[in-house]
Amino acid sequence: AQSITYDLAGGEVRFTGDAWLSNGCTELSYDTIVYNLLQNSVAA
């Protein structure tokens, strides 16, 4: 993304601006994508 913010305490990675996220099988693209590593959750 154009900007990525990683909050260590919450395990949240926020992609902002032409965001793209993939695990190899699923790809998502949007302006903002929030991936929480601790909760195994993805939100747009």
Full PDB file with SEQRES, HELIX, SHEET, SSBOND, CRYST1, ORIGX, SCALE, CONECT and MASTER records, all heavy atoms in Angstrom:
SEQRES   1 A   44  ALA GLN SER ILE THR TYR ASP LEU ALA GLY GLY GLU VAL          
SEQRES   2 A   44  ARG PHE THR GLY ASP ALA TRP LEU SER ASN GLY CYS THR          
SEQRES   3 A   44  GLU LEU SER TYR ASP THR ILE VAL TYR ASN LEU LEU GLN          
SEQRES   4 A   44  ASN SER VAL ALA ALA                                          
SHEET    1 AA1 4 SER A   3  ASP A   7  0                                        
SHEET    2 AA1 4 GLU A  12  SER A  22 -1                                        
SHEET    3 AA1 4 GLU A  27  ASN A  36 -1                                        
SHEET    4 AA1 4 SER A  41  ALA A  43 -1                                        
CRYST1    1.000    1.000    1.000  90.00  90.00  90.00 P 1           1          
ORIGX1      1.000000  0.000000  0.000000        0.00000                         
ORIGX2      0.000000  1.000000  0.000000        0.00000                         
ORIGX3      0.000000  0.000000  1.000000        0.00000                         
SCALE1      1.000000  0.000000  0.000000        0.00000                         
SCALE2      0.000000  1.000000  0.000000        0.00000                         
SCALE3      0.000000  0.000000  1.000000        0.00000                         
ATOM      1  N   ALA A   1       0.859  -1.182   0.000  1.00  0.00           N  
ATOM      2  CA  ALA A   1       0.000   0.000   0.000  1.00  0.00           C  
ATOM      3  C   ALA A   1       0.893   1.229   0.000  1.00  0.00           C  
ATOM      4  O   ALA A   1       2.118   1.128   0.151  1.00  0.00           O  
ATOM      5  CB  ALA A   1      -0.918   0.008   1.220  1.00  0.00           C  
ATOM      6  N   GLN A   2       0.270   2.382  -0.149  1.00  0.00           N  
ATOM      7  CA  GLN A   2       1.040   3.615  -0.076  1.00  0.00           C  
ATOM      8  C   GLN A   2       1.560   3.846   1.339  1.00  0.00           C  
ATOM      9  O   GLN A   2       2.639   4.394   1.543  1.00  0.00           O  
ATOM     10  CB  GLN A   2       0.186   4.792  -0.537  1.00  0.00           C  
ATOM     11  CG  GLN A   2      -0.206   4.727  -2.004  1.00  0.00           C  
ATOM     12  CD  GLN A   2      -1.138   5.852  -2.412  1.00  0.00           C  
ATOM     13  OE1 GLN A   2      -1.396   6.777  -1.647  1.00  0.00           O  
ATOM     14  NE2 GLN A   2      -1.656   5.788  -3.633  1.00  0.00           N  
ATOM     15  N   SER A   3       0.758   3.413   2.331  1.00  0.00           N  
ATOM     16  CA  SER A   3       1.155   3.551   3.729  1.00  0.00           C  
ATOM     17  C   SER A   3       0.692   2.318   4.502  1.00  0.00           C  
ATOM     18  O   SER A   3      -0.406   1.817   4.282  1.00  0.00           O  
ATOM     19  CB  SER A   3       0.536   4.814   4.339  1.00  0.00           C  
ATOM     20  OG  SER A   3       0.826   4.913   5.717  1.00  0.00           O  
ATOM     21  N   ILE A   4       1.546   1.832   5.409  1.00  0.00           N  
ATOM     22  CA  ILE A   4       1.206   0.670   6.236  1.00  0.00           C  
ATOM     23  C   ILE A   4       1.545   1.015   7.681  1.00  0.00           C  
ATOM     24  O   ILE A   4       2.665   1.439   7.985  1.00  0.00           O  
ATOM     25  CB  ILE A   4       1.989  -0.584   5.821  1.00  0.00           C  
ATOM     26  CG1 ILE A   4       1.730  -0.916   4.346  1.00  0.00           C  
ATOM     27  CG2 ILE A   4       1.611  -1.772   6.699  1.00  0.00           C  
ATOM     28  CD1 ILE A   4       2.582  -2.072   3.817  1.00  0.00           C  
ATOM     29  N   THR A   5       0.566   0.828   8.578  1.00  0.00           N  
ATOM     30  CA  THR A   5       0.783   1.058  10.003  1.00  0.00           C  
ATOM     31  C   THR A   5       0.656  -0.258  10.748  1.00  0.00           C  
ATOM     32  O   THR A   5      -0.338  -0.963  10.615  1.00  0.00           O  
ATOM     33  CB  THR A   5      -0.236   2.064  10.569  1.00  0.00           C  
ATOM     34  OG1 THR A   5      -0.075   3.324   9.893  1.00  0.00           O  
ATOM     35  CG2 THR A   5      -0.017   2.277  12.063  1.00  0.00           C  
ATOM     36  N   TYR A   6       1.660  -0.571  11.534  1.00  0.00           N  
ATOM     37  CA  TYR A   6       1.711  -1.819  12.285  1.00  0.00           C  
ATOM     38  C   TYR A   6       1.634  -1.478  13.769  1.00  0.00           C  
ATOM     39  O   TYR A   6       2.540  -0.861  14.324  1.00  0.00           O  
ATOM     40  CB  TYR A   6       3.015  -2.541  11.954  1.00  0.00           C  
ATOM     41  CG  TYR A   6       3.116  -3.985  12.394  1.00  0.00           C  
ATOM     42  CD1 TYR A   6       3.951  -4.865  11.735  1.00  0.00           C  
ATOM     43  CD2 TYR A   6       2.399  -4.476  13.480  1.00  0.00           C  
ATOM     44  CE1 TYR A   6       4.080  -6.191  12.119  1.00  0.00           C  
ATOM     45  CE2 TYR A   6       2.507  -5.790  13.884  1.00  0.00           C  
ATOM     46  CZ  TYR A   6       3.347  -6.643  13.206  1.00  0.00           C  
ATOM     47  OH  TYR A   6       3.469  -7.953  13.605  1.00  0.00           O  
ATOM     48  N   ASP A   7       0.541  -1.885  14.423  1.00  0.00           N  
ATOM     49  CA  ASP A   7       0.364  -1.702  15.866  1.00  0.00           C  
ATOM     50  C   ASP A   7       0.743  -3.009  16.546  1.00  0.00           C  
ATOM     51  O   ASP A   7       0.016  -3.993  16.461  1.00  0.00           O  
ATOM     52  CB  ASP A   7      -1.080  -1.319  16.172  1.00  0.00           C  
ATOM     53  CG  ASP A   7      -1.335  -1.125  17.659  1.00  0.00           C  
ATOM     54  OD1 ASP A   7      -0.409  -1.335  18.463  1.00  0.00           O  
ATOM     55  OD2 ASP A   7      -2.470  -0.764  18.021  1.00  0.00           O  
ATOM     56  N   LEU A   8       1.877  -3.013  17.227  1.00  0.00           N  
ATOM     57  CA  LEU A   8       2.383  -4.263  17.787  1.00  0.00           C  
ATOM     58  C   LEU A   8       1.501  -4.808  18.894  1.00  0.00           C  
ATOM     59  O   LEU A   8       1.302  -6.015  19.007  1.00  0.00           O  
ATOM     60  CB  LEU A   8       3.801  -4.076  18.308  1.00  0.00           C  
ATOM     61  CG  LEU A   8       4.919  -4.198  17.271  1.00  0.00           C  
ATOM     62  CD1 LEU A   8       4.928  -3.005  16.337  1.00  0.00           C  
ATOM     63  CD2 LEU A   8       6.270  -4.346  17.942  1.00  0.00           C  
ATOM     64  N   ALA A   9       0.963  -3.931  19.726  1.00  0.00           N  
ATOM     65  CA  ALA A   9       0.169  -4.384  20.865  1.00  0.00           C  
ATOM     66  C   ALA A   9      -1.081  -5.119  20.412  1.00  0.00           C  
ATOM     67  O   ALA A   9      -1.450  -6.162  20.960  1.00  0.00           O  
ATOM     68  CB  ALA A   9      -0.204  -3.199  21.752  1.00  0.00           C  
ATOM     69  N   GLY A  10      -1.746  -4.605  19.399  1.00  0.00           N  
ATOM     70  CA  GLY A  10      -2.984  -5.228  18.929  1.00  0.00           C  
ATOM     71  C   GLY A  10      -2.795  -6.191  17.779  1.00  0.00           C  
ATOM     72  O   GLY A  10      -3.747  -6.853  17.356  1.00  0.00           O  
ATOM     73  N   GLY A  11      -1.562  -6.276  17.246  1.00  0.00           N  
ATOM     74  CA  GLY A  11      -1.307  -7.162  16.124  1.00  0.00           C  
ATOM     75  C   GLY A  11      -2.014  -6.740  14.852  1.00  0.00           C  
ATOM     76  O   GLY A  11      -2.266  -7.550  13.965  1.00  0.00           O  
ATOM     77  N   GLU A  12      -2.322  -5.437  14.736  1.00  0.00           N  
ATOM     78  CA  GLU A  12      -3.091  -4.942  13.588  1.00  0.00           C  
ATOM     79  C   GLU A  12      -2.180  -4.295  12.563  1.00  0.00           C  
ATOM     80  O   GLU A  12      -1.345  -3.454  12.893  1.00  0.00           O  
ATOM     81  CB  GLU A  12      -4.143  -3.935  14.059  1.00  0.00           C  
ATOM     82  CG  GLU A  12      -5.017  -3.398  12.941  1.00  0.00           C  
ATOM     83  CD  GLU A  12      -6.057  -2.414  13.449  1.00  0.00           C  
ATOM     84  OE1 GLU A  12      -7.089  -2.861  13.981  1.00  0.00           O  
ATOM     85  OE2 GLU A  12      -5.829  -1.191  13.327  1.00  0.00           O  
ATOM     86  N   VAL A  13      -2.354  -4.689  11.304  1.00  0.00           N  
ATOM     87  CA  VAL A  13      -1.623  -4.103  10.185  1.00  0.00           C  
ATOM     88  C   VAL A  13      -2.648  -3.407   9.295  1.00  0.00           C  
ATOM     89  O   VAL A  13      -3.537  -4.055   8.741  1.00  0.00           O  
ATOM     90  CB  VAL A  13      -0.852  -5.167   9.383  1.00  0.00           C  
ATOM     91  CG1 VAL A  13      -0.016  -4.494   8.294  1.00  0.00           C  
ATOM     92  CG2 VAL A  13       0.041  -5.994  10.304  1.00  0.00           C  
ATOM     93  N   ARG A  14      -2.535  -2.086   9.164  1.00  0.00           N  
ATOM     94  CA  ARG A  14      -3.498  -1.310   8.378  1.00  0.00           C  
ATOM     95  C   ARG A  14      -2.821  -0.833   7.086  1.00  0.00           C  
ATOM     96  O   ARG A  14      -1.825  -0.099   7.113  1.00  0.00           O  
ATOM     97  CB  ARG A  14      -4.006  -0.114   9.176  1.00  0.00           C  
ATOM     98  CG  ARG A  14      -4.977   0.799   8.416  1.00  0.00           C  
ATOM     99  CD  ARG A  14      -5.497   1.906   9.299  1.00  0.00           C  
ATOM    100  NE  ARG A  14      -6.400   1.367  10.315  1.00  0.00           N  
ATOM    101  CZ  ARG A  14      -7.723   1.317  10.192  1.00  0.00           C  
ATOM    102  NH1 ARG A  14      -8.300   1.761   9.083  1.00  0.00           N  
ATOM    103  NH2 ARG A  14      -8.461   0.837  11.172  1.00  0.00           N  
ATOM    104  N   PHE A  15      -3.378  -1.260   5.946  1.00  0.00           N  
ATOM    105  CA  PHE A  15      -2.886  -0.864   4.627  1.00  0.00           C  
ATOM    106  C   PHE A  15      -3.778   0.267   4.102  1.00  0.00           C  
ATOM    107  O   PHE A  15      -4.999   0.108   4.021  1.00  0.00           O  
ATOM    108  CB  PHE A  15      -2.955  -2.042   3.650  1.00  0.00           C  
ATOM    109  CG  PHE A  15      -2.171  -3.256   4.087  1.00  0.00           C  
ATOM    110  CD1 PHE A  15      -2.687  -4.142   5.022  1.00  0.00           C  
ATOM    111  CD2 PHE A  15      -0.922  -3.523   3.552  1.00  0.00           C  
ATOM    112  CE1 PHE A  15      -1.976  -5.268   5.422  1.00  0.00           C  
ATOM    113  CE2 PHE A  15      -0.196  -4.639   3.944  1.00  0.00           C  
ATOM    114  CZ  PHE A  15      -0.730  -5.515   4.883  1.00  0.00           C  
ATOM    115  N   THR A  16      -3.178   1.383   3.711  1.00  0.00           N  
ATOM    116  CA  THR A  16      -3.954   2.540   3.271  1.00  0.00           C  
ATOM    117  C   THR A  16      -3.420   3.074   1.947  1.00  0.00           C  
ATOM    118  O   THR A  16      -2.217   3.305   1.807  1.00  0.00           O  
ATOM    119  CB  THR A  16      -3.895   3.669   4.322  1.00  0.00           C  
ATOM    120  OG1 THR A  16      -4.328   3.174   5.592  1.00  0.00           O  
ATOM    121  CG2 THR A  16      -4.792   4.834   3.912  1.00  0.00           C  
ATOM    122  N   GLY A  17      -4.321   3.263   0.985  1.00  0.00           N  
ATOM    123  CA  GLY A  17      -3.957   3.797  -0.320  1.00  0.00           C  
ATOM    124  C   GLY A  17      -3.536   2.713  -1.288  1.00  0.00           C  
ATOM    125  O   GLY A  17      -2.442   2.183  -1.177  1.00  0.00           O  
ATOM    126  N   ASP A  18      -4.419   2.378  -2.234  1.00  0.00           N  
ATOM    127  CA  ASP A  18      -4.136   1.301  -3.198  1.00  0.00           C  
ATOM    128  C   ASP A  18      -3.683   0.039  -2.481  1.00  0.00           C  
ATOM    129  O   ASP A  18      -2.676  -0.589  -2.837  1.00  0.00           O  
ATOM    130  CB  ASP A  18      -3.071   1.741  -4.205  1.00  0.00           C  
ATOM    131  CG  ASP A  18      -3.531   2.888  -5.081  1.00  0.00           C  
ATOM    132  OD1 ASP A  18      -4.736   2.923  -5.408  1.00  0.00           O  
ATOM    133  OD2 ASP A  18      -2.707   3.746  -5.437  1.00  0.00           O  
ATOM    134  N   ALA A  19      -4.436  -0.343  -1.468  1.00  0.00           N  
ATOM    135  CA  ALA A  19      -4.053  -1.484  -0.635  1.00  0.00           C  
ATOM    136  C   ALA A  19      -4.310  -2.805  -1.346  1.00  0.00           C  
ATOM    137  O   ALA A  19      -5.305  -2.969  -2.055  1.00  0.00           O  
ATOM    138  CB  ALA A  19      -4.825  -1.441   0.679  1.00  0.00           C  
ATOM    139  N   TRP A  20      -3.406  -3.736  -1.125  1.00  0.00           N  
ATOM    140  CA  TRP A  20      -3.524  -5.085  -1.693  1.00  0.00           C  
ATOM    141  C   TRP A  20      -2.983  -6.079  -0.684  1.00  0.00           C  
ATOM    142  O   TRP A  20      -1.947  -5.846  -0.060  1.00  0.00           O  
ATOM    143  CB  TRP A  20      -2.747  -5.182  -3.000  1.00  0.00           C  
ATOM    144  CG  TRP A  20      -2.739  -6.558  -3.619  1.00  0.00           C  
ATOM    145  CD1 TRP A  20      -3.704  -7.120  -4.406  1.00  0.00           C  
ATOM    146  CD2 TRP A  20      -1.696  -7.537  -3.501  1.00  0.00           C  
ATOM    147  NE1 TRP A  20      -3.327  -8.385  -4.786  1.00  0.00           N  
ATOM    148  CE2 TRP A  20      -2.104  -8.675  -4.244  1.00  0.00           C  
ATOM    149  CE3 TRP A  20      -0.474  -7.561  -2.841  1.00  0.00           C  
ATOM    150  CZ2 TRP A  20      -1.321  -9.810  -4.347  1.00  0.00           C  
ATOM    151  CZ3 TRP A  20       0.314  -8.704  -2.934  1.00  0.00           C  
ATOM    152  CH2 TRP A  20      -0.120  -9.810  -3.692  1.00  0.00           C  
ATOM    153  N   LEU A  21      -3.708  -7.190  -0.498  1.00  0.00           N  
ATOM    154  CA  LEU A  21      -3.300  -8.220   0.459  1.00  0.00           C  
ATOM    155  C   LEU A  21      -3.601  -9.590  -0.124  1.00  0.00           C  
ATOM    156  O   LEU A  21      -4.668  -9.811  -0.709  1.00  0.00           O  
ATOM    157  CB  LEU A  21      -4.051  -8.040   1.783  1.00  0.00           C  
ATOM    158  CG  LEU A  21      -3.701  -9.016   2.916  1.00  0.00           C  
ATOM    159  CD1 LEU A  21      -2.280  -8.781   3.409  1.00  0.00           C  
ATOM    160  CD2 LEU A  21      -4.688  -8.855   4.076  1.00  0.00           C  
ATOM    161  N   SER A  22      -2.677 -10.521   0.046  1.00  0.00           N  
ATOM    162  CA  SER A  22      -2.868 -11.860  -0.505  1.00  0.00           C  
ATOM    163  C   SER A  22      -2.201 -12.898   0.377  1.00  0.00           C  
ATOM    164  O   SER A  22      -1.168 -12.630   1.006  1.00  0.00           O  
ATOM    165  CB  SER A  22      -2.273 -11.938  -1.917  1.00  0.00           C  
ATOM    166  OG  SER A  22      -2.286 -13.278  -2.401  1.00  0.00           O  
ATOM    167  N   ASN A  23      -2.807 -14.104   0.429  1.00  0.00           N  
ATOM    168  CA  ASN A  23      -2.148 -15.247   1.051  1.00  0.00           C  
ATOM    169  C   ASN A  23      -1.778 -16.287   0.002  1.00  0.00           C  
ATOM    170  O   ASN A  23      -1.453 -17.423   0.323  1.00  0.00           O  
ATOM    171  CB  ASN A  23      -3.024 -15.864   2.142  1.00  0.00           C  
ATOM    172  CG  ASN A  23      -4.263 -16.541   1.580  1.00  0.00           C  
ATOM    173  OD1 ASN A  23      -4.585 -16.397   0.400  1.00  0.00           O  
ATOM    174  ND2 ASN A  23      -4.973 -17.270   2.419  1.00  0.00           N  
ATOM    175  N   GLY A  24      -1.820 -15.888  -1.265  1.00  0.00           N  
ATOM    176  CA  GLY A  24      -1.492 -16.796  -2.351  1.00  0.00           C  
ATOM    177  C   GLY A  24      -2.714 -17.406  -2.994  1.00  0.00           C  
ATOM    178  O   GLY A  24      -2.714 -17.702  -4.186  1.00  0.00           O  
ATOM    179  N   CYS A  25      -3.778 -17.613  -2.214  1.00  0.00           N  
ATOM    180  CA  CYS A  25      -5.013 -18.189  -2.738  1.00  0.00           C  
ATOM    181  C   CYS A  25      -6.131 -17.160  -2.813  1.00  0.00           C  
ATOM    182  O   CYS A  25      -7.024 -17.266  -3.643  1.00  0.00           O  
ATOM    183  CB  CYS A  25      -5.472 -19.354  -1.868  1.00  0.00           C  
ATOM    184  SG  CYS A  25      -4.300 -20.725  -1.850  1.00  0.00           S  
ATOM    185  N   THR A  26      -6.098 -16.202  -1.916  1.00  0.00           N  
ATOM    186  CA  THR A  26      -7.100 -15.141  -1.891  1.00  0.00           C  
ATOM    187  C   THR A  26      -6.400 -13.803  -1.977  1.00  0.00           C  
ATOM    188  O   THR A  26      -5.430 -13.559  -1.257  1.00  0.00           O  
ATOM    189  CB  THR A  26      -7.929 -15.192  -0.591  1.00  0.00           C  
ATOM    190  OG1 THR A  26      -8.580 -16.448  -0.491  1.00  0.00           O  
ATOM    191  CG2 THR A  26      -8.973 -14.087  -0.574  1.00  0.00           C  
ATOM    192  N   GLU A  27      -6.861 -12.953  -2.883  1.00  0.00           N  
ATOM    193  CA  GLU A  27      -6.316 -11.620  -3.036  1.00  0.00           C  
ATOM    194  C   GLU A  27      -7.425 -10.596  -2.827  1.00  0.00           C  
ATOM    195  O   GLU A  27      -8.531 -10.766  -3.336  1.00  0.00           O  
ATOM    196  CB  GLU A  27      -5.708 -11.430  -4.424  1.00  0.00           C  
ATOM    197  CG  GLU A  27      -4.543 -12.357  -4.731  1.00  0.00           C  
ATOM    198  CD  GLU A  27      -3.983 -12.140  -6.130  1.00  0.00           C  
ATOM    199  OE1 GLU A  27      -4.385 -11.132  -6.764  1.00  0.00           O  
ATOM    200  OE2 GLU A  27      -3.170 -12.954  -6.584  1.00  0.00           O  
ATOM    201  N   LEU A  28      -7.133  -9.553  -2.095  1.00  0.00           N  
ATOM    202  CA  LEU A  28      -8.070  -8.468  -1.867  1.00  0.00           C  
ATOM    203  C   LEU A  28      -7.406  -7.147  -2.230  1.00  0.00           C  
ATOM    204  O   LEU A  28      -6.218  -6.948  -1.952  1.00  0.00           O  
ATOM    205  CB  LEU A  28      -8.505  -8.416  -0.401  1.00  0.00           C  
ATOM    206  CG  LEU A  28      -9.251  -9.624   0.160  1.00  0.00           C  
ATOM    207  CD1 LEU A  28      -9.499  -9.429   1.654  1.00  0.00           C  
ATOM    208  CD2 LEU A  28     -10.567  -9.834  -0.574  1.00  0.00           C  
ATOM    209  N   SER A  29      -8.168  -6.242  -2.834  1.00  0.00           N  
ATOM    210  CA  SER A  29      -7.664  -4.906  -3.125  1.00  0.00           C  
ATOM    211  C   SER A  29      -8.756  -3.892  -2.808  1.00  0.00           C  
ATOM    212  O   SER A  29      -9.942  -4.114  -3.082  1.00  0.00           O  
ATOM    213  CB  SER A  29      -7.220  -4.781  -4.584  1.00  0.00           C  
ATOM    214  OG  SER A  29      -8.291  -5.071  -5.465  1.00  0.00           O  
ATOM    215  N   TYR A  30      -8.343  -2.802  -2.195  1.00  0.00           N  
ATOM    216  CA  TYR A  30      -9.284  -1.766  -1.761  1.00  0.00           C  
ATOM    217  C   TYR A  30      -8.456  -0.564  -1.335  1.00  0.00           C  
ATOM    218  O   TYR A  30      -7.218  -0.630  -1.271  1.00  0.00           O  
ATOM    219  CB  TYR A  30     -10.132  -2.290  -0.597  1.00  0.00           C  
ATOM    220  CG  TYR A  30     -11.333  -1.440  -0.230  1.00  0.00           C  
ATOM    221  CD1 TYR A  30     -12.244  -1.016  -1.194  1.00  0.00           C  
ATOM    222  CD2 TYR A  30     -11.554  -1.064   1.091  1.00  0.00           C  
ATOM    223  CE1 TYR A  30     -13.355  -0.262  -0.854  1.00  0.00           C  
ATOM    224  CE2 TYR A  30     -12.674  -0.311   1.449  1.00  0.00           C  
ATOM    225  CZ  TYR A  30     -13.566   0.094   0.462  1.00  0.00           C  
ATOM    226  OH  TYR A  30     -14.664   0.835   0.814  1.00  0.00           O  
ATOM    227  N   ASP A  31      -9.123   0.538  -1.014  1.00  0.00           N  
ATOM    228  CA  ASP A  31      -8.388   1.708  -0.550  1.00  0.00           C  
ATOM    229  C   ASP A  31      -7.749   1.442   0.810  1.00  0.00           C  
ATOM    230  O   ASP A  31      -6.599   1.820   1.060  1.00  0.00           O  
ATOM    231  CB  ASP A  31      -9.322   2.922  -0.452  1.00  0.00           C  
ATOM    232  CG  ASP A  31      -8.594   4.168   0.031  1.00  0.00           C  
ATOM    233  OD1 ASP A  31      -7.788   4.715  -0.750  1.00  0.00           O  
ATOM    234  OD2 ASP A  31      -8.803   4.581   1.187  1.00  0.00           O  
ATOM    235  N   THR A  32      -8.490   0.771   1.721  1.00  0.00           N  
ATOM    236  CA  THR A  32      -7.980   0.471   3.059  1.00  0.00           C  
ATOM    237  C   THR A  32      -8.309  -0.976   3.418  1.00  0.00           C  
ATOM    238  O   THR A  32      -9.453  -1.404   3.291  1.00  0.00           O  
ATOM    239  CB  THR A  32      -8.596   1.404   4.117  1.00  0.00           C  
ATOM    240  OG1 THR A  32      -8.268   2.754   3.808  1.00  0.00           O  
ATOM    241  CG2 THR A  32      -8.065   1.063   5.506  1.00  0.00           C  
ATOM    242  N   ILE A  33      -7.304  -1.711   3.868  1.00  0.00           N  
ATOM    243  CA  ILE A  33      -7.487  -3.087   4.331  1.00  0.00           C  
ATOM    244  C   ILE A  33      -6.841  -3.204   5.706  1.00  0.00           C  
ATOM    245  O   ILE A  33      -5.713  -2.746   5.915  1.00  0.00           O  
ATOM    246  CB  ILE A  33      -6.846  -4.101   3.366  1.00  0.00           C  
ATOM    247  CG1 ILE A  33      -7.522  -4.038   1.993  1.00  0.00           C  
ATOM    248  CG2 ILE A  33      -6.948  -5.520   3.928  1.00  0.00           C  
ATOM    249  CD1 ILE A  33      -6.858  -4.924   0.947  1.00  0.00           C  
ATOM    250  N   VAL A  34      -7.556  -3.811   6.651  1.00  0.00           N  
ATOM    251  CA  VAL A  34      -7.033  -4.002   8.002  1.00  0.00           C  
ATOM    252  C   VAL A  34      -6.890  -5.495   8.254  1.00  0.00           C  
ATOM    253  O   VAL A  34      -7.861  -6.244   8.195  1.00  0.00           O  
ATOM    254  CB  VAL A  34      -7.963  -3.374   9.058  1.00  0.00           C  
ATOM    255  CG1 VAL A  34      -7.396  -3.611  10.456  1.00  0.00           C  
ATOM    256  CG2 VAL A  34      -8.130  -1.885   8.802  1.00  0.00           C  
ATOM    257  N   TYR A  35      -5.675  -5.909   8.535  1.00  0.00           N  
ATOM    258  CA  TYR A  35      -5.386  -7.327   8.773  1.00  0.00           C  
ATOM    259  C   TYR A  35      -4.917  -7.476  10.215  1.00  0.00           C  
ATOM    260  O   TYR A  35      -3.912  -6.886  10.610  1.00  0.00           O  
ATOM    261  CB  TYR A  35      -4.304  -7.800   7.794  1.00  0.00           C  
ATOM    262  CG  TYR A  35      -3.869  -9.236   7.966  1.00  0.00           C  
ATOM    263  CD1 TYR A  35      -4.755 -10.232   8.365  1.00  0.00           C  
ATOM    264  CD2 TYR A  35      -2.552  -9.609   7.705  1.00  0.00           C  
ATOM    265  CE1 TYR A  35      -4.347 -11.551   8.509  1.00  0.00           C  
ATOM    266  CE2 TYR A  35      -2.133 -10.922   7.835  1.00  0.00           C  
ATOM    267  CZ  TYR A  35      -3.038 -11.888   8.242  1.00  0.00           C  
ATOM    268  OH  TYR A  35      -2.625 -13.195   8.383  1.00  0.00           O  
ATOM    269  N   ASN A  36      -5.650  -8.250  11.012  1.00  0.00           N  
ATOM    270  CA  ASN A  36      -5.268  -8.491  12.401  1.00  0.00           C  
ATOM    271  C   ASN A  36      -4.632  -9.869  12.505  1.00  0.00           C  
ATOM    272  O   ASN A  36      -5.308 -10.893  12.337  1.00  0.00           O  
ATOM    273  CB  ASN A  36      -6.480  -8.385  13.325  1.00  0.00           C  
ATOM    274  CG  ASN A  36      -6.074  -8.336  14.789  1.00  0.00           C  
ATOM    275  OD1 ASN A  36      -5.450  -9.257  15.305  1.00  0.00           O  
ATOM    276  ND2 ASN A  36      -6.434  -7.253  15.461  1.00  0.00           N  
ATOM    277  N   LEU A  37      -3.349  -9.904  12.804  1.00  0.00           N  
ATOM    278  CA  LEU A  37      -2.618 -11.158  12.852  1.00  0.00           C  
ATOM    279  C   LEU A  37      -3.022 -12.004  14.047  1.00  0.00           C  
ATOM    280  O   LEU A  37      -2.995 -13.236  13.978  1.00  0.00           O  
ATOM    281  CB  LEU A  37      -1.114 -10.899  12.897  1.00  0.00           C  
ATOM    282  CG  LEU A  37      -0.442 -10.423  11.613  1.00  0.00           C  
ATOM    283  CD1 LEU A  37      -0.677  -8.949  11.370  1.00  0.00           C  
ATOM    284  CD2 LEU A  37       1.049 -10.687  11.647  1.00  0.00           C  
ATOM    285  N   LEU A  38      -3.376 -11.377  15.157  1.00  0.00           N  
ATOM    286  CA  LEU A  38      -3.726 -12.129  16.358  1.00  0.00           C  
ATOM    287  C   LEU A  38      -5.106 -12.760  16.254  1.00  0.00           C  
ATOM    288  O   LEU A  38      -5.341 -13.860  16.755  1.00  0.00           O  
ATOM    289  CB  LEU A  38      -3.652 -11.214  17.589  1.00  0.00           C  
ATOM    290  CG  LEU A  38      -2.295 -10.550  17.847  1.00  0.00           C  
ATOM    291  CD1 LEU A  38      -2.356  -9.700  19.107  1.00  0.00           C  
ATOM    292  CD2 LEU A  38      -1.185 -11.589  17.960  1.00  0.00           C  
ATOM    293  N   GLN A  39      -6.035 -12.062  15.612  1.00  0.00           N  
ATOM    294  CA  GLN A  39      -7.401 -12.559  15.485  1.00  0.00           C  
ATOM    295  C   GLN A  39      -7.645 -13.303  14.186  1.00  0.00           C  
ATOM    296  O   GLN A  39      -8.736 -13.834  13.957  1.00  0.00           O  
ATOM    297  CB  GLN A  39      -8.387 -11.387  15.593  1.00  0.00           C  
ATOM    298  CG  GLN A  39      -8.316 -10.644  16.917  1.00  0.00           C  
ATOM    299  CD  GLN A  39      -9.232  -9.436  16.956  1.00  0.00           C  
ATOM    300  OE1 GLN A  39     -10.002  -9.179  16.021  1.00  0.00           O  
ATOM    301  NE2 GLN A  39      -9.163  -8.674  18.038  1.00  0.00           N  
ATOM    302  N   ASN A  40      -6.635 -13.337  13.300  1.00  0.00           N  
ATOM    303  CA  ASN A  40      -6.793 -13.969  11.990  1.00  0.00           C  
ATOM    304  C   ASN A  40      -7.990 -13.396  11.239  1.00  0.00           C  
ATOM    305  O   ASN A  40      -8.821 -14.133  10.707  1.00  0.00           O  
ATOM    306  CB  ASN A  40      -6.948 -15.489  12.137  1.00  0.00           C  
ATOM    307  CG  ASN A  40      -5.682 -16.145  12.646  1.00  0.00           C  
ATOM    308  OD1 ASN A  40      -4.588 -15.760  12.266  1.00  0.00           O  
ATOM    309  ND2 ASN A  40      -5.839 -17.120  13.524  1.00  0.00           N  
ATOM    310  N   SER A  41      -8.100 -12.070  11.230  1.00  0.00           N  
ATOM    311  CA  SER A  41      -9.243 -11.428  10.597  1.00  0.00           C  
ATOM    312  C   SER A  41      -8.783 -10.379   9.592  1.00  0.00           C  
ATOM    313  O   SER A  41      -7.724  -9.769   9.744  1.00  0.00           O  
ATOM    314  CB  SER A  41     -10.136 -10.771  11.648  1.00  0.00           C  
ATOM    315  OG  SER A  41      -9.457  -9.713  12.306  1.00  0.00           O  
ATOM    316  N   VAL A  42      -9.592 -10.193   8.550  1.00  0.00           N  
ATOM    317  CA  VAL A  42      -9.339  -9.195   7.520  1.00  0.00           C  
ATOM    318  C   VAL A  42     -10.592  -8.359   7.348  1.00  0.00           C  
ATOM    319  O   VAL A  42     -11.704  -8.897   7.283  1.00  0.00           O  
ATOM    320  CB  VAL A  42      -8.965  -9.846   6.171  1.00  0.00           C  
ATOM    321  CG1 VAL A  42      -8.722  -8.777   5.104  1.00  0.00           C  
ATOM    322  CG2 VAL A  42      -7.734 -10.722   6.325  1.00  0.00           C  
ATOM    323  N   ALA A  43     -10.444  -7.031   7.296  1.00  0.00           N  
ATOM    324  CA  ALA A  43     -11.583  -6.140   7.118  1.00  0.00           C  
ATOM    325  C   ALA A  43     -11.226  -5.082   6.089  1.00  0.00           C  
ATOM    326  O   ALA A  43     -10.061  -4.705   5.934  1.00  0.00           O  
ATOM    327  CB  ALA A  43     -11.976  -5.484   8.438  1.00  0.00           C  
ATOM    328  N   ALA A  44     -12.245  -4.605   5.377  1.00  0.00           N  
ATOM    329  CA  ALA A  44     -12.088  -3.529   4.412  1.00  0.00           C  
ATOM    330  C   ALA A  44     -13.068  -2.428   4.799  1.00  0.00           C  
ATOM    331  O   ALA A  44     -14.200  -2.396   4.319  1.00  0.00           O  
ATOM    332  CB  ALA A  44     -12.356  -4.025   2.992  1.00  0.00           C  
TER     333      ALA A  44                                                      
MASTER        0    0    0    0    4    0    0    6  332    1    0    4          
END                                                                             
